[in-house]
């Protein structure tokens, strides 16, 4: 379904993007020449030297956009999500282009041209895609090139399939109605026995009539969206269609088990559905690791004076070690020793078996200051360099806490499919300290499912301004 959509619009988008980039590059030159900003004081080289770069731009942007699946995709997204993907890919291509011109060319291109080109092309690339999708939606609404779709099933899976398909009219799919796997029953979603309808669409017949209904309603596609209880009837549907040419789309009822996402793979001709794989693997894992090492190294250099002062305060005000190592759980459920500045007296063993509370009497005066500003967490940058933690990720819990709650909170262990973090999406939204573990896991799983370097940067930015929320 999506393959066919992108096979038509993928080449069109390639041509459209190439035209936009060349036009914006030429326009940027003339804007810089005729409307230089205050900082643009250098002489501008002849246009002939800039025109040649149009070929490089088209090839480079085409390569980057292709690598990031902007011309072929296994996923359809909303317009805002598509705009974000375009801007992310465009920013990467622009960064590579600027780097290449400064490293390879004999002369430096105008920064003013880059500024104008970056702004113009960002606006035009996004606007072109949004307008193209709107145009296609408009044409579909007028009835051009529509495909008729029958949906087998009347349960929650089928209803969700219909709602999401109708959310994207640019695909050109018109839902004709449902094929009931059984008579309307209480477990159907929004059934209307009087009118024989589900969620506003008619039930056209039973599963035994599938082949006849396909011919009677001239269906182009058949979406099989049976619930797990109805899955036994799938064989009858497929058997009745073995001599038909209708396209068959299978939507398995696995949504309840998908917390982080899924991936469909072809293993030597055998279709495999992988559940709950994280996006932080392969190159993304390497990218995040490089990000962690860079941020941790810079942080330790910049914060070393503060850390030395805190170490001296801990040593001078209480007896015992400066650092406190606490066993926590990280990637793949492996325990590690998480470092903190010691904030309790050495005769207090509460940290071993008890969760700390706000205004905990076991906390020292210096410890209360550090906890209130999260400065006791600074030694965890060493954990990041050692590879036990990440800068951003789900906050690690103590191993005894994990063992106690793993069977009580659904999908709790999935947070350990990535490295634990110094800060995280749950923490910047106020779920830290003595707060609900259920809400924390909800935010942690959202972070894992939607991870990107930009998301990490957003969390770091929010951490600076929300550092005292629910501190303990």
Protein backbone atom coordinates (compact mmCIF):
# COMPACT_ATOMS: atom_id res chain seq x y z
CA UNK A 1 0.00 0.00 0.00
CA UNK A 2 2.70 2.49 1.01
CA UNK A 3 5.10 1.03 -1.55
CA UNK A 4 2.64 1.86 -4.30
CA UNK A 5 2.07 5.36 -2.92
CA UNK A 6 5.77 6.17 -2.82
CA UNK A 7 6.44 4.49 -6.18
CA UNK A 8 4.21 7.18 -7.70
CA UNK A 9 5.12 10.21 -5.60
CA UNK A 10 8.74 9.31 -4.77
CA UNK A 11 10.10 10.23 -8.25
CA UNK A 12 7.85 13.31 -8.34
CA UNK A 13 9.25 14.46 -5.01
CA UNK A 14 12.82 13.93 -6.25
CA UNK A 15 12.23 16.20 -9.22
CA UNK A 16 10.33 18.77 -7.14
CA UNK A 17 13.06 18.90 -4.48
CA UNK A 18 15.79 19.26 -7.10
CA UNK A 19 13.98 22.18 -8.76
CA UNK A 20 13.37 23.89 -5.42
CA UNK A 21 16.99 23.53 -4.31
CA UNK A 22 18.40 24.94 -7.55
CA UNK A 23 15.94 27.86 -7.58
CA UNK A 24 16.66 28.64 -3.91
CA UNK A 25 20.43 28.48 -4.49
CA UNK A 26 20.18 30.97 -7.39
CA UNK A 27 17.76 33.18 -5.44
CA UNK A 28 20.10 33.13 -2.43
CA UNK A 29 22.94 34.46 -4.57
CA UNK A 30 20.92 37.39 -5.89
CA UNK A 31 19.45 38.17 -2.47
CA UNK A 32 22.95 38.26 -1.00
CA UNK A 33 24.11 40.47 -3.89
CA UNK A 34 21.22 42.96 -3.74
CA UNK A 35 20.17 42.77 -0.08
CA UNK A 36 23.27 42.06 2.03
CA UNK A 37 22.75 41.98 5.76
CA UNK A 38 24.86 44.06 8.08
CA UNK A 39 27.48 41.37 8.59
CA UNK A 40 27.80 40.64 4.86
CA UNK A 41 30.55 43.06 3.87
CA UNK A 42 32.90 40.95 1.72
CA UNK A 43 32.82 41.08 -2.06
CA UNK A 44 30.68 38.42 -3.73
CA UNK A 45 32.40 36.15 -6.32
CA UNK A 46 30.92 35.94 -9.85
CA UNK A 47 27.74 33.96 -10.38
CA UNK A 48 29.56 31.46 -12.62
CA UNK A 49 31.45 30.15 -9.59
CA UNK A 50 28.18 29.55 -7.73
CA UNK A 51 26.13 28.06 -10.55
CA UNK A 52 28.38 24.98 -10.74
CA UNK A 53 27.44 24.07 -7.17
CA UNK A 54 23.83 23.44 -8.23
CA UNK A 55 24.83 19.99 -9.47
CA UNK A 56 26.57 19.19 -6.18
CA UNK A 57 23.51 20.36 -4.23
CA UNK A 58 21.09 18.21 -6.22
CA UNK A 59 23.29 15.09 -5.87
CA UNK A 60 24.08 15.64 -2.18
CA UNK A 61 20.52 16.43 -1.09
CA UNK A 62 19.16 13.56 -3.18
CA UNK A 63 21.58 11.15 -1.49
CA UNK A 64 20.86 12.36 2.05
CA UNK A 65 17.09 12.41 1.50
CA UNK A 66 17.22 8.89 0.04
CA UNK A 67 19.29 7.55 2.96
CA UNK A 68 16.76 9.01 5.40
CA UNK A 69 13.82 7.44 3.49
CA UNK A 70 12.16 10.63 2.33
CA UNK A 71 11.41 9.11 -1.07
CA UNK A 72 10.47 5.59 0.03
CA UNK A 73 9.03 4.57 3.35
CA UNK A 74 7.35 1.74 5.21
CA UNK A 75 5.53 4.29 7.33
CA UNK A 76 3.02 7.02 6.56
CA UNK A 77 3.18 10.02 8.87
CA UNK A 78 1.22 13.16 9.58
CA UNK A 79 2.13 16.40 7.89
CA UNK A 80 3.84 17.81 10.98
CA UNK A 81 5.95 14.67 11.34
CA UNK A 82 6.86 14.76 7.65
CA UNK A 83 7.87 18.42 7.96
CA UNK A 84 10.15 17.54 10.86
CA UNK A 85 11.75 14.71 8.86
CA UNK A 86 12.35 17.04 5.91
CA UNK A 87 13.92 19.75 8.09
CA UNK A 88 16.13 17.23 9.87
CA UNK A 89 17.39 15.75 6.60
CA UNK A 90 17.77 19.21 5.06
CA UNK A 91 19.78 20.43 8.06
CA UNK A 92 22.11 17.43 7.81
CA UNK A 93 22.64 17.93 4.08
CA UNK A 94 23.29 21.64 4.61
CA UNK A 95 25.86 20.89 7.32
CA UNK A 96 27.66 18.40 5.07
CA UNK A 97 27.58 20.84 2.15
CA UNK A 98 29.05 23.71 4.18
CA UNK A 99 31.75 21.43 5.59
CA UNK A 100 32.72 20.16 2.14
CA UNK A 101 32.94 23.63 0.64
CA UNK A 102 35.18 24.85 3.43
CA UNK A 103 37.44 21.78 3.37
CA UNK A 104 37.76 21.18 -0.37
CA UNK A 105 37.19 24.37 -2.36
CA UNK A 106 39.98 26.81 -3.12
CA UNK A 107 37.90 29.78 -1.99
CA UNK A 108 35.24 30.26 0.65
CA UNK A 109 31.63 30.67 -0.38
CA UNK A 110 29.64 33.56 1.00
CA UNK A 111 28.10 32.98 4.42
CA UNK A 112 25.29 35.27 3.35
CA UNK A 113 24.40 32.94 0.47
CA UNK A 114 24.33 30.02 2.90
CA UNK A 115 22.03 31.94 5.27
CA UNK A 116 19.59 32.91 2.52
CA UNK A 117 19.73 29.44 0.97
CA UNK A 118 19.14 27.69 4.30
CA UNK A 119 16.10 29.79 5.16
CA UNK A 120 14.55 29.81 1.67
CA UNK A 121 15.03 26.11 0.98
CA UNK A 122 13.75 25.07 4.42
CA UNK A 123 10.50 26.97 3.85
CA UNK A 124 10.08 25.86 0.25
CA UNK A 125 10.87 22.16 0.78
CA UNK A 126 8.33 21.86 3.60
CA UNK A 127 5.72 23.98 1.83
CA UNK A 128 6.04 21.96 -1.38
CA UNK A 129 5.46 18.64 0.36
CA UNK A 130 2.55 19.90 2.44
CA UNK A 131 0.91 21.48 -0.60
CA UNK A 132 1.48 18.37 -2.71
CA UNK A 133 -0.20 16.23 -0.07
CA UNK A 134 -3.06 18.71 0.22
CA UNK A 135 -3.47 18.71 -3.54
CA UNK A 136 -3.59 14.92 -3.64
CA UNK A 137 -6.16 14.91 -0.84
CA UNK A 138 -8.25 17.42 -2.76
CA UNK A 139 -8.15 15.28 -5.89
CA UNK A 140 -9.02 12.16 -3.91
CA UNK A 141 -11.97 14.00 -2.37
CA UNK A 142 -13.25 14.65 -5.89
CA UNK A 143 -13.15 10.92 -6.57
CA UNK A 144 -10.04 10.67 -8.73
CA UNK A 145 -8.12 7.36 -8.72
CA UNK A 146 -9.82 5.90 -5.63
CA UNK A 147 -9.52 2.28 -4.57
CA UNK A 148 -12.41 0.52 -2.85
CA UNK A 149 -11.58 -1.32 0.37
CA UNK A 150 -13.41 -4.02 2.32
CA UNK A 151 -12.42 -4.65 5.94
CA UNK A 152 -12.74 -8.16 7.36
CA UNK A 153 -13.50 -7.93 11.07
CA UNK A 154 -15.68 -5.73 13.27
CA UNK A 155 -13.64 -5.58 16.45
CA UNK A 156 -11.32 -2.91 17.86
CA UNK A 157 -8.48 -3.78 15.46
CA UNK A 158 -10.72 -3.34 12.41
CA UNK A 159 -12.17 -0.06 13.68
CA UNK A 160 -8.72 1.35 14.43
CA UNK A 161 -7.57 0.31 10.95
CA UNK A 162 -10.47 2.15 9.33
CA UNK A 163 -9.96 5.28 11.41
CA UNK A 164 -6.29 5.48 10.56
CA UNK A 165 -6.78 4.77 6.88
CA UNK A 166 -9.40 7.51 6.61
CA UNK A 167 -6.98 9.87 8.37
CA UNK A 168 -4.80 9.75 5.25
CA UNK A 169 -7.03 10.43 2.24
CA UNK A 170 -3.95 11.01 0.09
CA UNK A 171 -3.61 7.22 -0.13
CA UNK A 172 -6.81 7.17 -2.17
CA UNK A 173 -8.59 4.44 -0.19
CA UNK A 174 -12.38 4.50 0.19
CA UNK A 175 -13.73 2.14 2.85
CA UNK A 176 -16.83 0.39 1.48
CA UNK A 177 -17.77 -1.45 4.66
CA UNK A 178 -17.09 -4.33 7.03
CA UNK A 179 -17.24 -8.08 6.65
CA UNK A 180 -18.33 -9.59 9.96
CA UNK A 181 -16.38 -12.55 11.29
CA UNK A 182 -19.49 -13.30 13.32
CA UNK A 183 -22.85 -11.66 13.98
CA UNK A 184 -22.68 -8.33 15.83
CA UNK A 185 -21.81 -9.05 19.42
CA UNK A 186 -21.20 -7.13 22.61
CA UNK A 187 -17.42 -7.20 22.12
CA UNK A 188 -17.66 -5.40 18.76
CA UNK A 189 -16.62 -1.75 18.80
CA UNK A 190 -19.63 0.60 18.55
CA UNK A 191 -21.95 -1.97 16.96
CA UNK A 192 -25.38 -0.87 15.81
CA UNK A 193 -27.39 -4.09 15.35
CA UNK A 194 -30.44 -2.20 14.16
CA UNK A 195 -28.69 -0.77 11.12
CA UNK A 196 -25.99 -3.42 10.78
CA UNK A 197 -23.22 -0.86 11.11
CA UNK A 198 -19.94 -0.47 12.97
CA UNK A 199 -18.52 2.96 13.63
CA UNK A 200 -20.76 4.50 11.00
CA UNK A 201 -19.94 2.04 8.19
CA UNK A 202 -22.23 -0.81 7.05
CA UNK A 203 -21.67 -4.49 7.76
CA UNK A 204 -22.09 -5.91 4.27
CA UNK A 205 -22.12 -9.60 5.10
CA UNK A 206 -20.44 -12.46 6.91
CA UNK A 207 -17.01 -13.93 6.51
CA UNK A 208 -18.44 -16.86 4.51
CA UNK A 209 -19.44 -14.37 1.81
CA UNK A 210 -16.04 -12.65 1.52
CA UNK A 211 -15.25 -13.65 -2.08
CA UNK A 212 -18.78 -12.81 -3.23
CA UNK A 213 -18.65 -9.42 -1.43
CA UNK A 214 -15.34 -8.58 -3.11
CA UNK A 215 -16.96 -9.06 -6.54
CA UNK A 216 -20.29 -7.51 -5.63
CA UNK A 217 -18.70 -4.27 -4.35
CA UNK A 218 -15.87 -4.25 -6.89
CA UNK A 219 -13.27 -4.11 -4.11
CA UNK A 220 -9.64 -3.39 -5.00
CA UNK A 221 -8.24 -4.20 -1.59
CA UNK A 222 -9.24 -6.45 1.29
CA UNK A 223 -7.96 -5.53 4.75
CA UNK A 224 -8.03 -8.48 7.15
CA UNK A 225 -8.12 -7.08 10.69
CA UNK A 226 -9.38 -9.94 12.83
CA UNK A 227 -9.08 -9.99 16.59
CA UNK A 228 -7.09 -12.77 18.25
CA UNK A 229 -10.34 -14.53 19.13
CA UNK A 230 -11.35 -14.48 15.45
CA UNK A 231 -7.93 -15.38 14.02
CA UNK A 232 -9.00 -18.97 13.39
CA UNK A 233 -11.30 -17.75 10.61
CA UNK A 234 -8.45 -16.20 8.61
CA UNK A 235 -7.69 -19.44 6.81
CA UNK A 236 -11.24 -19.58 5.44
CA UNK A 237 -10.93 -16.00 4.14
CA UNK A 238 -7.60 -16.61 2.39
CA UNK A 239 -8.77 -19.92 0.99
CA UNK A 240 -11.85 -18.30 -0.57
CA UNK A 241 -9.65 -15.69 -2.28
CA UNK A 242 -6.94 -17.94 -3.69
CA UNK A 243 -8.29 -17.50 -7.23
CA UNK A 244 -8.92 -13.74 -6.92
CA UNK A 245 -6.66 -10.83 -7.85
CA UNK A 246 -7.77 -8.52 -5.03
CA UNK A 247 -4.91 -7.07 -2.96
CA UNK A 248 -4.90 -8.52 0.57
CA UNK A 249 -3.52 -6.54 3.52
CA UNK A 250 -3.10 -8.30 6.87
CA UNK A 251 -3.22 -6.33 10.13
CA UNK A 252 -2.32 -8.65 13.04
CA UNK A 253 -3.91 -8.09 16.43
CA UNK A 254 -0.66 -7.45 18.30
CA UNK A 255 -1.20 -3.84 19.33
CA UNK A 256 -1.55 -4.73 23.02
CA UNK A 257 1.95 -6.23 22.96
CA UNK A 258 3.65 -3.38 21.11
CA UNK A 259 5.01 -0.88 23.61
CA UNK A 260 8.12 0.38 21.80
CA UNK A 261 7.27 -0.36 18.18
CA UNK A 262 7.68 -3.18 15.70
CA UNK A 263 9.53 -4.03 12.52
CA UNK A 264 8.55 -6.30 9.64
CA UNK A 265 11.43 -8.26 8.15
CA UNK A 266 11.88 -10.77 5.34
CA UNK A 267 13.97 -13.68 6.58
CA UNK A 268 14.76 -15.87 3.58
CA UNK A 269 11.19 -15.50 2.34
CA UNK A 270 9.70 -15.89 5.82
CA UNK A 271 7.87 -12.78 7.11
CA UNK A 272 8.97 -11.88 10.64
CA UNK A 273 7.45 -9.30 12.96
CA UNK A 274 9.89 -8.08 15.60
CA UNK A 275 8.21 -6.55 18.65
CA UNK A 276 9.56 -3.90 21.00
CA UNK A 277 12.86 -3.23 19.27
CA UNK A 278 14.36 0.15 20.13
CA UNK A 279 15.53 2.72 17.58
CA UNK A 280 18.83 2.96 19.50
CA UNK A 281 20.74 0.27 17.64
CA UNK A 282 23.42 0.04 14.98
CA UNK A 283 24.49 3.48 13.79
CA UNK A 284 22.07 5.18 16.19
CA UNK A 285 23.73 3.37 19.10
CA UNK A 286 27.14 4.60 17.94
CA UNK A 287 25.78 8.12 17.42
CA UNK A 288 24.29 8.24 20.92
CA UNK A 289 27.52 6.87 22.41
CA UNK A 290 29.56 9.58 20.69
CA UNK A 291 27.06 12.16 21.94
CA UNK A 292 27.40 10.78 25.50
CA UNK A 293 31.20 10.80 25.51
CA UNK A 294 31.34 14.34 24.10
CA UNK A 295 28.83 15.81 26.57
CA UNK A 296 30.27 13.93 29.56
CA UNK A 297 33.84 14.99 28.76
CA UNK A 298 32.89 18.65 28.34
CA UNK A 299 30.75 18.55 31.49
CA UNK A 300 33.55 17.08 33.61
CA UNK A 301 36.00 19.71 32.40
CA UNK A 302 33.61 22.62 32.96
CA UNK A 303 32.22 21.35 36.26
CA UNK A 304 35.48 20.14 37.78
CA UNK A 305 35.87 23.24 40.03
CA UNK A 306 32.36 22.74 41.43
CA UNK A 307 32.98 19.03 41.93
CA UNK A 308 36.23 19.73 43.80
CA UNK A 309 34.41 22.17 46.12
CA UNK A 310 31.61 19.66 46.77
CA UNK A 311 34.14 16.89 47.44
CA UNK A 312 35.90 19.13 49.97
CA UNK A 313 32.60 20.02 51.69
CA UNK A 314 31.62 16.36 52.02
CA UNK A 315 35.07 15.48 53.43
CA UNK A 316 35.16 18.40 55.89
CA UNK A 317 31.59 18.17 57.24
CA UNK A 318 31.17 14.41 57.74
CA UNK A 319 33.38 11.40 58.22
CA UNK A 320 33.49 8.74 55.56
CA UNK A 321 34.07 8.51 51.80
CA UNK A 322 33.34 11.34 49.37
CA UNK A 323 31.53 9.18 46.83
CA UNK A 324 28.75 6.71 47.39
CA UNK A 325 28.26 3.78 45.03
CA UNK A 326 24.74 2.38 44.78
CA UNK A 327 23.76 -0.72 42.82
CA UNK A 328 21.32 0.15 40.05
CA UNK A 329 20.10 -1.55 36.89
CA UNK A 330 20.84 -0.42 33.34
CA UNK A 331 21.01 -1.83 29.78
CA UNK A 332 19.69 -5.41 29.42
CA UNK A 333 18.97 -5.57 33.14
CA UNK A 334 22.66 -5.59 34.12
CA UNK A 335 23.53 -4.09 37.52
CA UNK A 336 26.22 -1.43 37.92
CA UNK A 337 27.52 0.87 40.64
CA UNK A 338 26.07 4.34 40.16
CA UNK A 339 28.22 7.08 41.67
CA UNK A 340 26.95 9.99 43.73
CA UNK A 341 28.43 12.47 46.14
CA UNK A 342 27.63 11.02 49.57
CA UNK A 343 24.71 12.92 51.06
CA UNK A 344 24.03 10.81 54.20
CA UNK A 345 26.00 9.99 57.28
CA UNK A 346 28.00 6.74 57.08
CA UNK A 347 26.07 5.25 60.01
CA UNK A 348 22.83 5.47 58.04
CA UNK A 349 21.94 2.32 56.10
CA UNK A 350 18.62 3.60 54.82
CA UNK A 351 19.95 4.03 51.31
CA UNK A 352 20.47 0.29 51.07
CA UNK A 353 16.96 -0.86 51.77
CA UNK A 354 14.72 2.16 51.93
CA UNK A 355 13.66 4.79 49.44
CA UNK A 356 14.55 8.32 50.48
CA UNK A 357 11.80 10.83 51.20
CA UNK A 358 11.57 14.59 51.04
CA UNK A 359 13.08 16.15 54.21
CA UNK A 360 14.64 12.78 55.06
CA UNK A 361 16.39 13.15 58.50
CA UNK A 362 19.23 10.88 57.35
CA UNK A 363 20.43 13.51 54.87
CA UNK A 364 23.26 15.82 55.98
CA UNK A 365 23.16 19.61 55.61
CA UNK A 366 25.55 19.54 52.65
CA UNK A 367 23.67 16.53 51.26
CA UNK A 368 20.38 18.43 51.40
CA UNK A 369 21.95 21.28 49.42
CA UNK A 370 23.30 18.87 46.81
CA UNK A 371 20.05 16.93 46.49
CA UNK A 372 18.02 20.13 46.16
CA UNK A 373 20.10 21.15 43.17
CA UNK A 374 20.89 17.62 41.89
CA UNK A 375 24.61 18.34 42.33
CA UNK A 376 25.03 14.98 44.05
CA UNK A 377 24.45 13.41 40.60
CA UNK A 378 27.52 15.00 38.97
CA UNK A 379 29.84 11.98 39.49
CA UNK A 380 27.53 10.02 37.18
CA UNK A 381 29.37 11.63 34.26
CA UNK A 382 32.11 9.12 35.14
CA UNK A 383 29.50 6.35 34.78
CA UNK A 384 28.73 7.72 31.32
CA UNK A 385 32.37 7.64 30.25
CA UNK A 386 32.63 4.08 31.60
CA UNK A 387 29.70 3.08 29.39
CA UNK A 388 27.32 2.11 32.22
CA UNK A 389 25.00 5.08 31.69
CA UNK A 390 23.92 7.57 29.06
CA UNK A 391 23.46 11.32 29.40
CA UNK A 392 19.74 10.98 28.62
CA UNK A 393 17.66 7.89 29.33
CA UNK A 394 15.34 6.32 31.89
CA UNK A 395 16.59 6.91 35.41
CA UNK A 396 17.96 3.67 36.91
CA UNK A 397 16.24 2.08 39.88
CA UNK A 398 17.85 0.04 42.62
CA UNK A 399 17.98 -3.66 41.83
CA UNK A 400 15.79 -4.61 44.80
CA UNK A 401 13.16 -2.09 43.66
CA UNK A 402 13.19 -3.56 40.15
CA UNK A 403 12.71 -7.10 41.46
CA UNK A 404 9.82 -5.92 43.61
CA UNK A 405 7.88 -4.00 40.94
CA UNK A 406 8.74 -5.81 37.67
CA UNK A 407 5.73 -8.11 37.96
CA UNK A 408 3.39 -5.40 39.26
CA UNK A 409 3.87 -2.70 36.61
CA UNK A 410 3.18 -3.84 33.02
CA UNK A 411 6.15 -3.47 30.62
CA UNK A 412 8.35 -2.14 33.41
CA UNK A 413 11.41 -4.11 32.26
CA UNK A 414 11.28 -2.59 28.76
CA UNK A 415 12.99 0.53 30.10
CA UNK A 416 16.13 -1.60 30.40
CA UNK A 417 16.37 -2.05 26.64
CA UNK A 418 18.43 1.17 26.64
CA UNK A 419 21.08 2.54 28.97
CA UNK A 420 19.96 4.37 32.09
CA UNK A 421 20.43 8.13 31.99
CA UNK A 422 21.50 10.99 34.23
CA UNK A 423 18.36 12.83 33.16
CA UNK A 424 15.30 11.72 31.25
CA UNK A 425 11.91 12.58 29.81
CA UNK A 426 10.13 11.50 33.00
CA UNK A 427 12.40 13.64 35.18
CA UNK A 428 11.97 16.88 33.21
CA UNK A 429 8.21 16.35 33.40
CA UNK A 430 8.30 16.14 37.19
CA UNK A 431 8.31 12.36 37.70
CA UNK A 432 11.37 11.93 39.88
CA UNK A 433 12.05 11.31 43.54
CA UNK A 434 9.08 10.09 45.57
CA UNK A 435 6.63 9.94 42.66
CA UNK A 436 4.61 7.31 40.79
CA UNK A 437 6.66 4.53 39.17
CA UNK A 438 3.75 3.89 36.80
CA UNK A 439 3.95 7.43 35.42
CA UNK A 440 7.71 7.22 35.17
CA UNK A 441 7.57 4.08 33.06
CA UNK A 442 4.93 5.68 30.84
CA UNK A 443 7.27 8.59 30.08
CA UNK A 444 10.33 6.34 29.80
CA UNK A 445 8.70 4.14 27.16
CA UNK A 446 7.54 7.22 25.24
CA UNK A 447 11.15 8.44 25.21
CA UNK A 448 12.53 5.12 23.96
CA UNK A 449 9.91 4.79 21.25
CA UNK A 450 10.46 8.36 19.98
CA UNK A 451 14.20 8.67 20.54
CA UNK A 452 16.34 10.98 18.44
CA UNK A 453 19.42 13.12 19.07
CA UNK A 454 17.17 16.18 18.84
CA UNK A 455 14.93 14.69 21.54
CA UNK A 456 18.02 14.20 23.74
CA UNK A 457 19.03 17.84 23.20
CA UNK A 458 15.51 18.99 24.09
CA UNK A 459 15.62 17.01 27.36
CA UNK A 460 19.04 18.45 28.21
CA UNK A 461 17.70 21.95 27.61
CA UNK A 462 14.67 21.31 29.81
CA UNK A 463 16.85 19.76 32.52
CA UNK A 464 18.66 23.06 33.06
CA UNK A 465 15.38 24.90 33.73
CA UNK A 466 13.56 22.18 35.65
CA UNK A 467 16.39 20.86 37.77
CA UNK A 468 14.70 21.58 41.12
CA UNK A 469 11.29 20.05 40.33
CA UNK A 470 10.48 17.35 42.92
CA UNK A 471 14.09 17.31 44.10
CA UNK A 472 14.78 15.18 47.15
